[in-house]
Amino acid sequence: MKDKDSLFQDSLALLKQLISVSSLSREEVLTAAMIEEFFKKRRIKTFRRGNNIWAYNAHYDQNKPTILLNSHHDTVKPNPGYTRDPFNPTENDGKLYGLGSNDAGGCLVSLIATFLYFYECVDLKYNFCLVASAEEEISGRNGIESVLEDIGPIDFAIVGEPTLMDLAIAEKGLMVLDCHATGVAGHAARNEGDNAVYKAIADIQWFRDYTFEKVSPTLGPVKMSVTMIQAGSQHNVVPADCSFVVDVRTTDAYTNEETLAIIKSHVSSEVSARSTRLKASSIPEEHPIVQAGIELGRKCYGSPTMSDQALIPVPSLKLGPGDSARSHIADEFIYIDEIREGIELYIAMLQKIV
């Protein structure tokens, strides 16, 4: 087992390296190379597909279940409000500033440190597979989803996202709906046409007011928000078409397909989902890894924000250093002590079960 302090120092150095180069979604080639080199220097074999990098513990046994440790190395574009250079990792007042420091670089390097801690251990009950994934910020198809078949069977996953090291045991899914109301064009000065806007308004009212019967005990109700609308060509023409977009945050009370079917049964507009692949996810509170966290004083909650959990088809726990409220902000930062705490808590939780 590696010394925790040296693991922390290596993690901090790696995070500074990752911050120092651009790794926007679909453009993570430089950070992927850095992560490969980090493992190569430690004589650990890695695998790569696109900009996804993964590795296994030294004594991997195909007859044992496998724990997936996953976080991402892509970032969003820098917030326009930045007053610091987003690609210059700087320490100040106990904070490390830089794009991706909080979301999710601190989580990624803490999980890498945890993987290294257990890497050479023998007689573990579980294998470990560490995946540093790409395209998380855009839920891209060339991210974690693209390597699931390559990495082999997994029993459960710990997904590194900033949660203040509390236990996000459930996470909402997402469907984006394109809705289209159809009427008949006519002159606005005469009693002509069938106004598509009015048809759309009735459906929009339904989206605002409808309450789904089943409510998730951890995630609450399904949430629907109309976010965009478009209609009309000129002021004196009754519009024959009105299109609007709905953001639907789904829960584990319904599958995405069930949610979509309920919506279609209640509105007159034509409704199509851009995708149903971003599903709500959860892990039972009784699961040993969750119980390990509870024993260490961490609280459970349901997360409204989405991560690669939506694409991982096994029970998964979202957990990591940093604060989700700092994600995507100008002058993003993580407290340096949060990284140390993250490494120590990841290790302590896993020691209880492996």
Foldseek 3Di string as FASTA:
>chain_A
DDDLVVLLVLLVVLLLVLQQDAAAFVRNQVNLVSVCVSVVVVVFDWDDDRSKIKGKAPPDDPVAAEEEEEEESHFHPADPPAPDDQNHFDDDPQKTWHTCAQRFSLQLSLSVSLCVVCRHPPPARHMYMYMHWGRFVPLDCRTPLVCPVVVDHHAEYEYEHADQQFKAQKEWFKWKKKWKFFKFKDFQVDPDIDASVVLVVVLQVCLVDDWDPDADPFAGTKHKDWDDKDFDDDDGMRTRMIMTMMMITHGPVDQLVVVVVVSVVPGPIDMDTPDRQQHMAGDDCPDLLNVLSVVVPHHYHHYHDGTCRSNDPHRYIYGYFHHPVQGSDHRRIGRSVSSSVRNVSVNSSVVRRD
